[in-house]
């Protein structure tokens, strides 16, 4: 599997149709960007960039720092507002796994590729 999520064109083998690749490419182009809607609301799409993923430019390095730091804040908010979601077979708390897109050899725990969408009203998350 291709580990370079910052290059959507490199991950074409993940999809059985071109439509899927186009959706992924569109999602990748939105990562880290604030999208303002109406009434003071905005949404931002985030995805964790793991240490083993190569980052080759200052812009992508800044995006990695921004996404990962925002996800840390968002996880603390989610953990404060929602009960833990513990996988009954493993006892693992799923909330951090989802927000950080953690990989696993076990299909039910492999959350690689997950995105987090953050909705804000002005400055409040």
PDB file of N, CA and C in Angstrom:
ATOM      1  N   UNK A   1       0.834  -1.178   0.000  1.00  0.00           N
ATOM      2  CA  UNK A   1       0.000   0.000   0.000  1.00  0.00           C
ATOM      3  C   UNK A   1       0.880   1.242   0.000  1.00  0.00           C
ATOM      4  N   UNK A   2       0.478   2.259  -0.702  1.00  0.00           N
ATOM      5  CA  UNK A   2       1.261   3.483  -0.801  1.00  0.00           C
ATOM      6  C   UNK A   2       1.136   4.299   0.472  1.00  0.00           C
ATOM      7  N   UNK A   3       2.263   4.692   1.062  1.00  0.00           N
ATOM      8  CA  UNK A   3       2.258   5.430   2.316  1.00  0.00           C
ATOM      9  C   UNK A   3       2.260   6.942   2.115  1.00  0.00           C
ATOM     10  N   UNK A   4       2.427   7.424   0.881  1.00  0.00           N
ATOM     11  CA  UNK A   4       2.563   8.857   0.652  1.00  0.00           C
ATOM     12  C   UNK A   4       1.197   9.479   0.387  1.00  0.00           C
ATOM     13  N   UNK A   5       0.446   9.745   1.441  1.00  0.00           N
ATOM     14  CA  UNK A   5      -0.913  10.273   1.279  1.00  0.00           C
ATOM     15  C   UNK A   5      -0.923  11.688   0.745  1.00  0.00           C
ATOM     16  N   UNK A   6       0.187  12.385   0.798  1.00  0.00           N
ATOM     17  CA  UNK A   6       0.224  13.757   0.303  1.00  0.00           C
ATOM     18  C   UNK A   6       0.267  13.815  -1.216  1.00  0.00           C
ATOM     19  N   UNK A   7       0.411  12.689  -1.874  1.00  0.00           N
ATOM     20  CA  UNK A   7       0.431  12.635  -3.329  1.00  0.00           C
ATOM     21  C   UNK A   7      -0.718  11.756  -3.792  1.00  0.00           C
ATOM     22  N   UNK A   8      -1.923  12.336  -3.969  1.00  0.00           N
ATOM     23  CA  UNK A   8      -3.083  11.525  -4.324  1.00  0.00           C
ATOM     24  C   UNK A   8      -2.893  10.741  -5.615  1.00  0.00           C
ATOM     25  N   UNK A   9      -2.133  11.272  -6.563  1.00  0.00           N
ATOM     26  CA  UNK A   9      -1.932  10.563  -7.822  1.00  0.00           C
ATOM     27  C   UNK A   9      -1.170   9.260  -7.610  1.00  0.00           C
ATOM     28  N   UNK A  10      -0.358   9.203  -6.564  1.00  0.00           N
ATOM     29  CA  UNK A  10       0.446   8.010  -6.300  1.00  0.00           C
ATOM     30  C   UNK A  10      -0.380   6.879  -5.713  1.00  0.00           C
ATOM     31  N   UNK A  11      -1.600   7.147  -5.305  1.00  0.00           N
ATOM     32  CA  UNK A  11      -2.391   6.125  -4.619  1.00  0.00           C
ATOM     33  C   UNK A  11      -3.493   5.545  -5.497  1.00  0.00           C
ATOM     34  N   UNK A  12      -3.356   5.642  -6.812  1.00  0.00           N
ATOM     35  CA  UNK A  12      -4.402   5.180  -7.718  1.00  0.00           C
ATOM     36  C   UNK A  12      -4.730   3.700  -7.558  1.00  0.00           C
ATOM     37  N   UNK A  13      -3.800   2.909  -7.073  1.00  0.00           N
ATOM     38  CA  UNK A  13      -4.029   1.470  -6.945  1.00  0.00           C
ATOM     39  C   UNK A  13      -5.052   1.129  -5.861  1.00  0.00           C
ATOM     40  N   UNK A  14      -5.414   2.079  -5.026  1.00  0.00           N
ATOM     41  CA  UNK A  14      -6.379   1.824  -3.966  1.00  0.00           C
ATOM     42  C   UNK A  14      -7.808   1.710  -4.484  1.00  0.00           C
ATOM     43  N   UNK A  15      -8.072   2.147  -5.685  1.00  0.00           N
ATOM     44  CA  UNK A  15      -9.442   2.296  -6.155  1.00  0.00           C
ATOM     45  C   UNK A  15      -9.729   1.393  -7.344  1.00  0.00           C
ATOM     46  N   UNK A  16     -10.971   0.919  -7.388  1.00  0.00           N
ATOM     47  CA  UNK A  16     -11.373   0.095  -8.520  1.00  0.00           C
ATOM     48  C   UNK A  16     -11.909   0.957  -9.662  1.00  0.00           C
ATOM     49  N   UNK A  17     -12.238   2.211  -9.384  1.00  0.00           N
ATOM     50  CA  UNK A  17     -12.740   3.118 -10.427  1.00  0.00           C
ATOM     51  C   UNK A  17     -12.083   4.477 -10.281  1.00  0.00           C
ATOM     52  N   UNK A  18     -12.050   5.205 -11.361  1.00  0.00           N
ATOM     53  CA  UNK A  18     -11.463   6.544 -11.368  1.00  0.00           C
ATOM     54  C   UNK A  18     -12.243   7.494 -10.449  1.00  0.00           C
ATOM     55  N   UNK A  19     -13.542   7.288 -10.312  1.00  0.00           N
ATOM     56  CA  UNK A  19     -14.359   8.147  -9.443  1.00  0.00           C
ATOM     57  C   UNK A  19     -13.804   8.180  -8.021  1.00  0.00           C
ATOM     58  N   UNK A  20     -13.394   7.037  -7.511  1.00  0.00           N
ATOM     59  CA  UNK A  20     -12.838   6.973  -6.160  1.00  0.00           C
ATOM     60  C   UNK A  20     -11.563   7.778  -6.037  1.00  0.00           C
ATOM     61  N   UNK A  21     -10.716   7.691  -7.053  1.00  0.00           N
ATOM     62  CA  UNK A  21      -9.472   8.460  -7.050  1.00  0.00           C
ATOM     63  C   UNK A  21      -9.768   9.958  -7.091  1.00  0.00           C
ATOM     64  N   UNK A  22     -10.782  10.356  -7.854  1.00  0.00           N
ATOM     65  CA  UNK A  22     -11.148  11.773  -7.934  1.00  0.00           C
ATOM     66  C   UNK A  22     -11.685  12.284  -6.600  1.00  0.00           C
ATOM     67  N   UNK A  23     -12.459  11.468  -5.906  1.00  0.00           N
ATOM     68  CA  UNK A  23     -12.959  11.853  -4.582  1.00  0.00           C
ATOM     69  C   UNK A  23     -11.786  12.037  -3.629  1.00  0.00           C
ATOM     70  N   UNK A  24     -10.848  11.082  -3.620  1.00  0.00           N
ATOM     71  CA  UNK A  24      -9.691  11.192  -2.735  1.00  0.00           C
ATOM     72  C   UNK A  24      -8.868  12.433  -3.069  1.00  0.00           C
ATOM     73  N   UNK A  25      -8.667  12.694  -4.332  1.00  0.00           N
ATOM     74  CA  UNK A  25      -7.896  13.868  -4.739  1.00  0.00           C
ATOM     75  C   UNK A  25      -8.581  15.150  -4.270  1.00  0.00           C
ATOM     76  N   UNK A  26      -9.904  15.196  -4.390  1.00  0.00           N
ATOM     77  CA  UNK A  26     -10.654  16.359  -3.919  1.00  0.00           C
ATOM     78  C   UNK A  26     -10.549  16.539  -2.415  1.00  0.00           C
ATOM     79  N   UNK A  27     -10.633  15.442  -1.672  1.00  0.00           N
ATOM     80  CA  UNK A  27     -10.496  15.520  -0.218  1.00  0.00           C
ATOM     81  C   UNK A  27      -9.102  15.996   0.172  1.00  0.00           C
ATOM     82  N   UNK A  28      -8.078  15.462  -0.468  1.00  0.00           N
ATOM     83  CA  UNK A  28      -6.701  15.867  -0.152  1.00  0.00           C
ATOM     84  C   UNK A  28      -6.473  17.348  -0.404  1.00  0.00           C
ATOM     85  N   UNK A  29      -7.121  17.882  -1.426  1.00  0.00           N
ATOM     86  CA  UNK A  29      -6.929  19.306  -1.725  1.00  0.00           C
ATOM     87  C   UNK A  29      -7.584  20.197  -0.674  1.00  0.00           C
ATOM     88  N   UNK A  30      -8.475  19.643   0.139  1.00  0.00           N
ATOM     89  CA  UNK A  30      -9.160  20.419   1.186  1.00  0.00           C
ATOM     90  C   UNK A  30      -8.481  20.334   2.547  1.00  0.00           C
ATOM     91  N   UNK A  31      -7.531  19.423   2.725  1.00  0.00           N
ATOM     92  CA  UNK A  31      -6.935  19.203   4.045  1.00  0.00           C
ATOM     93  C   UNK A  31      -6.274  20.476   4.562  1.00  0.00           C
ATOM     94  N   UNK A  32      -6.674  20.856   5.779  1.00  0.00           N
ATOM     95  CA  UNK A  32      -6.080  22.006   6.456  1.00  0.00           C
ATOM     96  C   UNK A  32      -6.650  23.357   6.069  1.00  0.00           C
ATOM     97  N   UNK A  33      -7.524  23.400   5.078  1.00  0.00           N
ATOM     98  CA  UNK A  33      -8.086  24.675   4.631  1.00  0.00           C
ATOM     99  C   UNK A  33      -9.398  24.972   5.346  1.00  0.00           C
ATOM    100  N   UNK A  34      -9.534  26.194   5.852  1.00  0.00           N
ATOM    101  CA  UNK A  34     -10.798  26.614   6.466  1.00  0.00           C
ATOM    102  C   UNK A  34     -11.770  26.957   5.343  1.00  0.00           C
ATOM    103  N   UNK A  35     -12.941  26.379   5.392  1.00  0.00           N
ATOM    104  CA  UNK A  35     -13.979  26.610   4.394  1.00  0.00           C
ATOM    105  C   UNK A  35     -15.120  27.344   5.080  1.00  0.00           C
ATOM    106  N   UNK A  36     -15.237  28.626   4.785  1.00  0.00           N
ATOM    107  CA  UNK A  36     -16.238  29.462   5.444  1.00  0.00           C
ATOM    108  C   UNK A  36     -17.581  29.273   4.758  1.00  0.00           C
ATOM    109  N   UNK A  37     -18.583  29.049   5.588  1.00  0.00           N
ATOM    110  CA  UNK A  37     -19.950  28.962   5.093  1.00  0.00           C
ATOM    111  C   UNK A  37     -20.693  30.174   5.626  1.00  0.00           C
ATOM    112  N   UNK A  38     -21.912  30.069   6.027  1.00  0.00           N
ATOM    113  CA  UNK A  38     -22.637  31.262   6.474  1.00  0.00           C
ATOM    114  C   UNK A  38     -22.789  31.307   7.988  1.00  0.00           C
ATOM    115  N   UNK A  39     -23.262  32.436   8.461  1.00  0.00           N
ATOM    116  CA  UNK A  39     -23.558  32.659   9.880  1.00  0.00           C
ATOM    117  C   UNK A  39     -22.351  32.438  10.793  1.00  0.00           C
ATOM    118  N   UNK A  40     -21.148  32.715  10.292  1.00  0.00           N
ATOM    119  CA  UNK A  40     -19.949  32.596  11.110  1.00  0.00           C
ATOM    120  C   UNK A  40     -19.397  31.187  11.242  1.00  0.00           C
ATOM    121  N   UNK A  41     -19.968  30.226  10.527  1.00  0.00           N
ATOM    122  CA  UNK A  41     -19.492  28.847  10.586  1.00  0.00           C
ATOM    123  C   UNK A  41     -18.395  28.610   9.556  1.00  0.00           C
ATOM    124  N   UNK A  42     -17.490  27.716   9.913  1.00  0.00           N
ATOM    125  CA  UNK A  42     -16.491  27.232   8.961  1.00  0.00           C
ATOM    126  C   UNK A  42     -16.183  25.780   9.297  1.00  0.00           C
ATOM    127  N   UNK A  43     -15.706  25.061   8.310  1.00  0.00           N
ATOM    128  CA  UNK A  43     -15.295  23.682   8.538  1.00  0.00           C
ATOM    129  C   UNK A  43     -13.903  23.477   7.965  1.00  0.00           C
ATOM    130  N   UNK A  44     -13.172  22.584   8.610  1.00  0.00           N
ATOM    131  CA  UNK A  44     -11.823  22.250   8.178  1.00  0.00           C
ATOM    132  C   UNK A  44     -11.687  20.738   8.171  1.00  0.00           C
ATOM    133  N   UNK A  45     -11.126  20.217   7.107  1.00  0.00           N
ATOM    134  CA  UNK A  45     -10.872  18.790   6.995  1.00  0.00           C
ATOM    135  C   UNK A  45      -9.433  18.525   7.430  1.00  0.00           C
ATOM    136  N   UNK A  46      -9.257  17.589   8.357  1.00  0.00           N
ATOM    137  CA  UNK A  46      -7.927  17.256   8.877  1.00  0.00           C
ATOM    138  C   UNK A  46      -7.655  15.771   8.679  1.00  0.00           C
ATOM    139  N   UNK A  47      -6.386  15.446   8.548  1.00  0.00           N
ATOM    140  CA  UNK A  47      -5.966  14.051   8.556  1.00  0.00           C
ATOM    141  C   UNK A  47      -4.583  13.998   9.177  1.00  0.00           C
ATOM    142  N   UNK A  48      -4.394  13.067  10.075  1.00  0.00           N
ATOM    143  CA  UNK A  48      -3.107  12.935  10.750  1.00  0.00           C
ATOM    144  C   UNK A  48      -2.025  12.537   9.753  1.00  0.00           C
ATOM    145  N   UNK A  49      -0.892  13.186   9.865  1.00  0.00           N
ATOM    146  CA  UNK A  49       0.268  12.840   9.050  1.00  0.00           C
ATOM    147  C   UNK A  49       1.262  12.185  10.000  1.00  0.00           C
ATOM    148  N   UNK A  50       1.452  10.901   9.834  1.00  0.00           N
ATOM    149  CA  UNK A  50       2.298  10.132  10.741  1.00  0.00           C
ATOM    150  C   UNK A  50       3.771  10.386  10.465  1.00  0.00           C
ATOM    151  N   UNK A  51       4.604  10.131  11.473  1.00  0.00           N
ATOM    152  CA  UNK A  51       6.045  10.381  11.364  1.00  0.00           C
ATOM    153  C   UNK A  51       6.710   9.588  10.254  1.00  0.00           C
ATOM    154  N   UNK A  52       6.156   8.431   9.908  1.00  0.00           N
ATOM    155  CA  UNK A  52       6.795   7.619   8.878  1.00  0.00           C
ATOM    156  C   UNK A  52       6.437   8.069   7.462  1.00  0.00           C
ATOM    157  N   UNK A  53       5.575   9.079   7.336  1.00  0.00           N
ATOM    158  CA  UNK A  53       5.226   9.583   6.019  1.00  0.00           C
ATOM    159  C   UNK A  53       6.201  10.687   5.634  1.00  0.00           C
ATOM    160  N   UNK A  54       6.716  10.598   4.436  1.00  0.00           N
ATOM    161  CA  UNK A  54       7.727  11.547   3.982  1.00  0.00           C
ATOM    162  C   UNK A  54       7.089  12.893   3.646  1.00  0.00           C
ATOM    163  N   UNK A  55       7.724  13.955   4.101  1.00  0.00           N
ATOM    164  CA  UNK A  55       7.281  15.318   3.811  1.00  0.00           C
ATOM    165  C   UNK A  55       8.470  16.020   3.177  1.00  0.00           C
ATOM    166  N   UNK A  56       8.297  16.492   1.930  1.00  0.00           N
ATOM    167  CA  UNK A  56       9.432  16.994   1.160  1.00  0.00           C
ATOM    168  C   UNK A  56       9.440  18.499   0.937  1.00  0.00           C
ATOM    169  N   UNK A  57       8.495  19.231   1.480  1.00  0.00           N
ATOM    170  CA  UNK A  57       8.501  20.679   1.264  1.00  0.00           C
ATOM    171  C   UNK A  57       8.122  21.396   2.554  1.00  0.00           C
ATOM    172  N   UNK A  58       8.494  22.666   2.614  1.00  0.00           N
ATOM    173  CA  UNK A  58       8.170  23.470   3.798  1.00  0.00           C
ATOM    174  C   UNK A  58       6.660  23.581   3.969  1.00  0.00           C
ATOM    175  N   UNK A  59       5.931  23.725   2.859  1.00  0.00           N
ATOM    176  CA  UNK A  59       4.470  23.838   2.929  1.00  0.00           C
ATOM    177  C   UNK A  59       3.860  22.563   3.521  1.00  0.00           C
ATOM    178  N   UNK A  60       4.306  21.409   3.048  1.00  0.00           N
ATOM    179  CA  UNK A  60       3.754  20.145   3.550  1.00  0.00           C
ATOM    180  C   UNK A  60       4.171  19.893   4.995  1.00  0.00           C
ATOM    181  N   UNK A  61       5.377  20.339   5.359  1.00  0.00           N
ATOM    182  CA  UNK A  61       5.814  20.211   6.752  1.00  0.00           C
ATOM    183  C   UNK A  61       4.932  21.072   7.658  1.00  0.00           C
ATOM    184  N   UNK A  62       4.621  22.303   7.207  1.00  0.00           N
ATOM    185  CA  UNK A  62       3.739  23.190   7.980  1.00  0.00           C
ATOM    186  C   UNK A  62       2.335  22.597   8.080  1.00  0.00           C
ATOM    187  N   UNK A  63       1.856  21.996   6.995  1.00  0.00           N
ATOM    188  CA  UNK A  63       0.540  21.356   7.003  1.00  0.00           C
ATOM    189  C   UNK A  63       0.520  20.189   7.988  1.00  0.00           C
ATOM    190  N   UNK A  64       1.598  19.417   8.017  1.00  0.00           N
ATOM    191  CA  UNK A  64       1.710  18.304   8.962  1.00  0.00           C
ATOM    192  C   UNK A  64       1.629  18.814  10.394  1.00  0.00           C
ATOM    193  N   UNK A  65       2.383  19.861  10.707  1.00  0.00           N
ATOM    194  CA  UNK A  65       2.377  20.423  12.064  1.00  0.00           C
ATOM    195  C   UNK A  65       0.997  20.963  12.418  1.00  0.00           C
ATOM    196  N   UNK A  66       0.371  21.665  11.483  1.00  0.00           N
ATOM    197  CA  UNK A  66      -0.949  22.252  11.741  1.00  0.00           C
ATOM    198  C   UNK A  66      -2.004  21.168  11.958  1.00  0.00           C
ATOM    199  N   UNK A  67      -2.068  20.194  11.065  1.00  0.00           N
ATOM    200  CA  UNK A  67      -3.075  19.131  11.187  1.00  0.00           C
ATOM    201  C   UNK A  67      -2.886  18.340  12.476  1.00  0.00           C
ATOM    202  N   UNK A  68      -1.662  17.943  12.746  1.00  0.00           N
ATOM    203  CA  UNK A  68      -1.425  17.111  13.925  1.00  0.00           C
ATOM    204  C   UNK A  68      -1.682  17.865  15.222  1.00  0.00           C
ATOM    205  N   UNK A  69      -1.341  19.152  15.275  1.00  0.00           N
ATOM    206  CA  UNK A  69      -1.608  19.914  16.502  1.00  0.00           C
ATOM    207  C   UNK A  69      -3.104  20.171  16.672  1.00  0.00           C
ATOM    208  N   UNK A  70      -3.814  20.442  15.582  1.00  0.00           N
ATOM    209  CA  UNK A  70      -5.267  20.633  15.677  1.00  0.00           C
ATOM    210  C   UNK A  70      -5.955  19.340  16.106  1.00  0.00           C
ATOM    211  N   UNK A  71      -5.483  18.217  15.602  1.00  0.00           N
ATOM    212  CA  UNK A  71      -6.078  16.937  15.995  1.00  0.00           C
ATOM    213  C   UNK A  71      -5.876  16.654  17.474  1.00  0.00           C
ATOM    214  N   UNK A  72      -4.744  17.063  18.025  1.00  0.00           N
ATOM    215  CA  UNK A  72      -4.503  16.875  19.465  1.00  0.00           C
ATOM    216  C   UNK A  72      -5.521  17.666  20.279  1.00  0.00           C
ATOM    217  N   UNK A  73      -5.780  18.901  19.874  1.00  0.00           N
ATOM    218  CA  UNK A  73      -6.781  19.731  20.555  1.00  0.00           C
ATOM    219  C   UNK A  73      -8.169  19.120  20.370  1.00  0.00           C
ATOM    220  N   UNK A  74      -8.471  18.713  19.148  1.00  0.00           N
ATOM    221  CA  UNK A  74      -9.788  18.141  18.862  1.00  0.00           C
ATOM    222  C   UNK A  74     -10.032  16.856  19.642  1.00  0.00           C
ATOM    223  N   UNK A  75      -9.001  16.038  19.798  1.00  0.00           N
ATOM    224  CA  UNK A  75      -9.160  14.809  20.578  1.00  0.00           C
ATOM    225  C   UNK A  75      -9.503  15.130  22.026  1.00  0.00           C
ATOM    226  N   UNK A  76      -8.865  16.141  22.595  1.00  0.00           N
ATOM    227  CA  UNK A  76      -9.179  16.492  23.988  1.00  0.00           C
ATOM    228  C   UNK A  76     -10.627  16.965  24.110  1.00  0.00           C
ATOM    229  N   UNK A  77     -11.123  17.683  23.107  1.00  0.00           N
ATOM    230  CA  UNK A  77     -12.519  18.137  23.119  1.00  0.00           C
ATOM    231  C   UNK A  77     -13.464  16.945  22.989  1.00  0.00           C
ATOM    232  N   UNK A  78     -13.173  16.049  22.063  1.00  0.00           N
ATOM    233  CA  UNK A  78     -14.016  14.864  21.856  1.00  0.00           C
ATOM    234  C   UNK A  78     -14.044  14.000  23.114  1.00  0.00           C
ATOM    235  N   UNK A  79     -12.883  13.804  23.739  1.00  0.00           N
ATOM    236  CA  UNK A  79     -12.830  12.982  24.956  1.00  0.00           C
ATOM    237  C   UNK A  79     -13.575  13.634  26.115  1.00  0.00           C
ATOM    238  N   UNK A  80     -13.614  14.964  26.126  1.00  0.00           N
ATOM    239  CA  UNK A  80     -14.334  15.680  27.178  1.00  0.00           C
ATOM    240  C   UNK A  80     -15.844  15.611  26.969  1.00  0.00           C
ATOM    241  N   UNK A  81     -16.270  15.584  25.713  1.00  0.00           N
ATOM    242  CA  UNK A  81     -17.698  15.684  25.404  1.00  0.00           C
ATOM    243  C   UNK A  81     -18.401  14.349  25.163  1.00  0.00           C
ATOM    244  N   UNK A  82     -17.647  13.309  24.848  1.00  0.00           N
ATOM    245  CA  UNK A  82     -18.261  12.031  24.495  1.00  0.00           C
ATOM    246  C   UNK A  82     -17.678  10.906  25.341  1.00  0.00           C
ATOM    247  N   UNK A  83     -18.492   9.888  25.560  1.00  0.00           N
ATOM    248  CA  UNK A  83     -18.018   8.692  26.263  1.00  0.00           C
ATOM    249  C   UNK A  83     -17.049   7.934  25.361  1.00  0.00           C
ATOM    250  N   UNK A  84     -16.135   7.215  25.976  1.00  0.00           N
ATOM    251  CA  UNK A  84     -15.181   6.408  25.210  1.00  0.00           C
ATOM    252  C   UNK A  84     -15.924   5.380  24.370  1.00  0.00           C
ATOM    253  N   UNK A  85     -15.351   5.070  23.229  1.00  0.00           N
ATOM    254  CA  UNK A  85     -15.866   4.005  22.367  1.00  0.00           C
ATOM    255  C   UNK A  85     -14.835   2.884  22.411  1.00  0.00           C
ATOM    256  N   UNK A  86     -15.023   1.931  23.289  1.00  0.00           N
ATOM    257  CA  UNK A  86     -14.052   0.864  23.483  1.00  0.00           C
ATOM    258  C   UNK A  86     -14.446  -0.339  22.631  1.00  0.00           C
ATOM    259  N   UNK A  87     -13.486  -0.827  21.850  1.00  0.00           N
ATOM    260  CA  UNK A  87     -13.699  -2.029  21.056  1.00  0.00           C
ATOM    261  C   UNK A  87     -13.833  -3.211  22.013  1.00  0.00           C
ATOM    262  N   UNK A  88     -14.967  -3.923  21.982  1.00  0.00           N
ATOM    263  CA  UNK A  88     -15.194  -4.984  22.962  1.00  0.00           C
ATOM    264  C   UNK A  88     -14.222  -6.158  22.844  1.00  0.00           C
ATOM    265  N   UNK A  89     -13.712  -6.413  21.661  1.00  0.00           N
ATOM    266  CA  UNK A  89     -12.822  -7.570  21.505  1.00  0.00           C
ATOM    267  C   UNK A  89     -11.381  -7.281  21.911  1.00  0.00           C
ATOM    268  N   UNK A  90     -10.969  -6.000  21.859  1.00  0.00           N
ATOM    269  CA  UNK A  90      -9.572  -5.667  22.183  1.00  0.00           C
ATOM    270  C   UNK A  90      -9.421  -4.790  23.416  1.00  0.00           C
ATOM    271  N   UNK A  91     -10.504  -4.104  23.812  1.00  0.00           N
ATOM    272  CA  UNK A  91     -10.424  -3.167  24.930  1.00  0.00           C
ATOM    273  C   UNK A  91      -9.760  -1.849  24.564  1.00  0.00           C
ATOM    274  N   UNK A  92      -9.563  -1.601  23.273  1.00  0.00           N
ATOM    275  CA  UNK A  92      -8.885  -0.389  22.798  1.00  0.00           C
ATOM    276  C   UNK A  92      -9.898   0.737  22.628  1.00  0.00           C
ATOM    277  N   UNK A  93      -9.554   1.929  23.129  1.00  0.00           N
ATOM    278  CA  UNK A  93     -10.382   3.122  22.935  1.00  0.00           C
ATOM    279  C   UNK A  93     -10.255   3.546  21.471  1.00  0.00           C
ATOM    280  N   UNK A  94     -11.373   3.603  20.784  1.00  0.00           N
ATOM    281  CA  UNK A  94     -11.362   3.863  19.346  1.00  0.00           C
ATOM    282  C   UNK A  94     -11.270   5.344  18.986  1.00  0.00           C
ATOM    283  N   UNK A  95     -11.633   6.250  19.906  1.00  0.00           N
ATOM    284  CA  UNK A  95     -11.625   7.676  19.558  1.00  0.00           C
ATOM    285  C   UNK A  95     -10.257   8.166  19.081  1.00  0.00           C
ATOM    286  N   UNK A  96      -9.176   7.920  19.807  1.00  0.00           N
ATOM    287  CA  UNK A  96      -7.876   8.364  19.292  1.00  0.00           C
ATOM    288  C   UNK A  96      -7.498   7.668  17.988  1.00  0.00           C
ATOM    289  N   UNK A  97      -7.866   6.416  17.850  1.00  0.00           N
ATOM    290  CA  UNK A  97      -7.538   5.675  16.625  1.00  0.00           C
ATOM    291  C   UNK A  97      -8.213   6.303  15.417  1.00  0.00           C
ATOM    292  N   UNK A  98      -9.471   6.732  15.579  1.00  0.00           N
ATOM    293  CA  UNK A  98     -10.196   7.349  14.467  1.00  0.00           C
ATOM    294  C   UNK A  98      -9.596   8.711  14.138  1.00  0.00           C
ATOM    295  N   UNK A  99      -9.438   9.571  15.136  1.00  0.00           N
ATOM    296  CA  UNK A  99      -8.930  10.917  14.875  1.00  0.00           C
ATOM    297  C   UNK A  99      -7.522  10.906  14.297  1.00  0.00           C
ATOM    298  N   UNK A 100      -6.695   9.967  14.723  1.00  0.00           N
ATOM    299  CA  UNK A 100      -5.309   9.912  14.243  1.00  0.00           C
ATOM    300  C   UNK A 100      -5.098   8.927  13.090  1.00  0.00           C
ATOM    301  N   UNK A 101      -6.177   8.383  12.528  1.00  0.00           N
ATOM    302  CA  UNK A 101      -6.088   7.477  11.369  1.00  0.00           C
ATOM    303  C   UNK A 101      -5.056   6.376  11.584  1.00  0.00           C
ATOM    304  N   UNK A 102      -5.081   5.745  12.744  1.00  0.00           N
ATOM    305  CA  UNK A 102      -4.074   4.738  13.059  1.00  0.00           C
ATOM    306  C   UNK A 102      -4.241   3.496  12.200  1.00  0.00           C
ATOM    307  N   UNK A 103      -3.129   2.972  11.766  1.00  0.00           N
ATOM    308  CA  UNK A 103      -3.100   1.746  10.977  1.00  0.00           C
ATOM    309  C   UNK A 103      -3.043   0.533  11.904  1.00  0.00           C
ATOM    310  N   UNK A 104      -3.485  -0.587  11.364  1.00  0.00           N
ATOM    311  CA  UNK A 104      -3.393  -1.840  12.104  1.00  0.00           C
ATOM    312  C   UNK A 104      -3.388  -2.986  11.107  1.00  0.00           C
ATOM    313  N   UNK A 105      -2.802  -4.082  11.498  1.00  0.00           N
ATOM    314  CA  UNK A 105      -2.847  -5.297  10.680  1.00  0.00           C
ATOM    315  C   UNK A 105      -4.223  -5.956  10.765  1.00  0.00           C
ATOM    316  N   UNK A 106      -5.010  -5.582  11.770  1.00  0.00           N
ATOM    317  CA  UNK A 106      -6.344  -6.140  11.957  1.00  0.00           C
ATOM    318  C   UNK A 106      -7.361  -5.248  11.255  1.00  0.00           C
ATOM    319  N   UNK A 107      -8.125  -5.825  10.345  1.00  0.00           N
ATOM    320  CA  UNK A 107      -9.035  -5.053   9.503  1.00  0.00           C
ATOM    321  C   UNK A 107      -9.976  -4.161  10.306  1.00  0.00           C
ATOM    322  N   UNK A 108     -10.524  -4.653  11.382  1.00  0.00           N
ATOM    323  CA  UNK A 108     -11.464  -3.866  12.174  1.00  0.00           C
ATOM    324  C   UNK A 108     -10.838  -2.702  12.913  1.00  0.00           C
ATOM    325  N   UNK A 109      -9.525  -2.711  13.042  1.00  0.00           N
ATOM    326  CA  UNK A 109      -8.817  -1.640  13.751  1.00  0.00           C
ATOM    327  C   UNK A 109      -7.995  -0.763  12.810  1.00  0.00           C
ATOM    328  N   UNK A 110      -7.975  -1.090  11.525  1.00  0.00           N
ATOM    329  CA  UNK A 110      -7.195  -0.311  10.566  1.00  0.00           C
ATOM    330  C   UNK A 110      -8.016   0.887  10.106  1.00  0.00           C
ATOM    331  N   UNK A 111      -7.676   2.046  10.624  1.00  0.00           N
ATOM    332  CA  UNK A 111      -8.434   3.260  10.333  1.00  0.00           C
ATOM    333  C   UNK A 111      -7.635   4.217   9.458  1.00  0.00           C
ATOM    334  N   UNK A 112      -6.631   3.696   8.784  1.00  0.00           N
ATOM    335  CA  UNK A 112      -5.825   4.510   7.886  1.00  0.00           C
ATOM    336  C   UNK A 112      -6.740   5.105   6.820  1.00  0.00           C
ATOM    337  N   UNK A 113      -6.579   6.367   6.572  1.00  0.00           N
ATOM    338  CA  UNK A 113      -7.372   7.024   5.552  1.00  0.00           C
ATOM    339  C   UNK A 113      -8.565   7.793   6.100  1.00  0.00           C
ATOM    340  N   UNK A 114      -8.820   7.700   7.402  1.00  0.00           N
ATOM    341  CA  UNK A 114      -9.931   8.445   7.984  1.00  0.00           C
ATOM    342  C   UNK A 114      -9.600   9.933   8.031  1.00  0.00           C
ATOM    343  N   UNK A 115     -10.610  10.733   7.847  1.00  0.00           N
ATOM    344  CA  UNK A 115     -10.499  12.184   7.955  1.00  0.00           C
ATOM    345  C   UNK A 115     -11.298  12.643   9.167  1.00  0.00           C
ATOM    346  N   UNK A 116     -10.944  13.803   9.691  1.00  0.00           N
ATOM    347  CA  UNK A 116     -11.711  14.447  10.750  1.00  0.00           C
ATOM    348  C   UNK A 116     -12.178  15.788  10.218  1.00  0.00           C
ATOM    349  N   UNK A 117     -13.466  16.044  10.321  1.00  0.00           N
ATOM    350  CA  UNK A 117     -13.995  17.338   9.908  1.00  0.00           C
ATOM    351  C   UNK A 117     -14.341  18.123  11.170  1.00  0.00           C
ATOM    352  N   UNK A 118     -13.801  19.321  11.269  1.00  0.00           N
ATOM    353  CA  UNK A 118     -14.016  20.177  12.430  1.00  0.00           C
ATOM    354  C   UNK A 118     -14.938  21.317  12.013  1.00  0.00           C
ATOM    355  N   UNK A 119     -16.038  21.469  12.731  1.00  0.00           N
ATOM    356  CA  UNK A 119     -16.980  22.555  12.494  1.00  0.00           C
ATOM    357  C   UNK A 119     -16.784  23.603  13.572  1.00  0.00           C
ATOM    358  N   UNK A 120     -16.620  24.844  13.150  1.00  0.00           N
ATOM    359  CA  UNK A 120     -16.419  25.940  14.104  1.00  0.00           C
ATOM    360  C   UNK A 120     -17.468  27.019  13.879  1.00  0.00           C
ATOM    361  N   UNK A 121     -17.848  27.647  14.963  1.00  0.00           N
ATOM    362  CA  UNK A 121     -18.683  28.852  14.918  1.00  0.00           C
ATOM    363  C   UNK A 121     -17.781  29.970  15.401  1.00  0.00           C
ATOM    364  N   UNK A 122     -17.366  30.825  14.479  1.00  0.00           N
ATOM    365  CA  UNK A 122     -16.382  31.867  14.731  1.00  0.00           C
ATOM    366  C   UNK A 122     -15.124  31.235  15.312  1.00  0.00           C
ATOM    367  N   UNK A 123     -14.793  31.396  16.601  1.00  0.00           N
ATOM    368  CA  UNK A 123     -13.569  30.778  17.107  1.00  0.00           C
ATOM    369  C   UNK A 123     -13.828  29.536  17.951  1.00  0.00           C
ATOM    370  N   UNK A 124     -15.077  29.232  18.259  1.00  0.00           N
ATOM    371  CA  UNK A 124     -15.397  28.070  19.100  1.00  0.00           C
ATOM    372  C   UNK A 124     -15.501  26.814  18.249  1.00  0.00           C
ATOM    373  N   UNK A 125     -14.904  25.712  18.743  1.00  0.00           N
ATOM    374  CA  UNK A 125     -14.991  24.427  18.043  1.00  0.00           C
ATOM    375  C   UNK A 125     -16.281  23.753  18.449  1.00  0.00           C
TER     376      UNK A 125
END
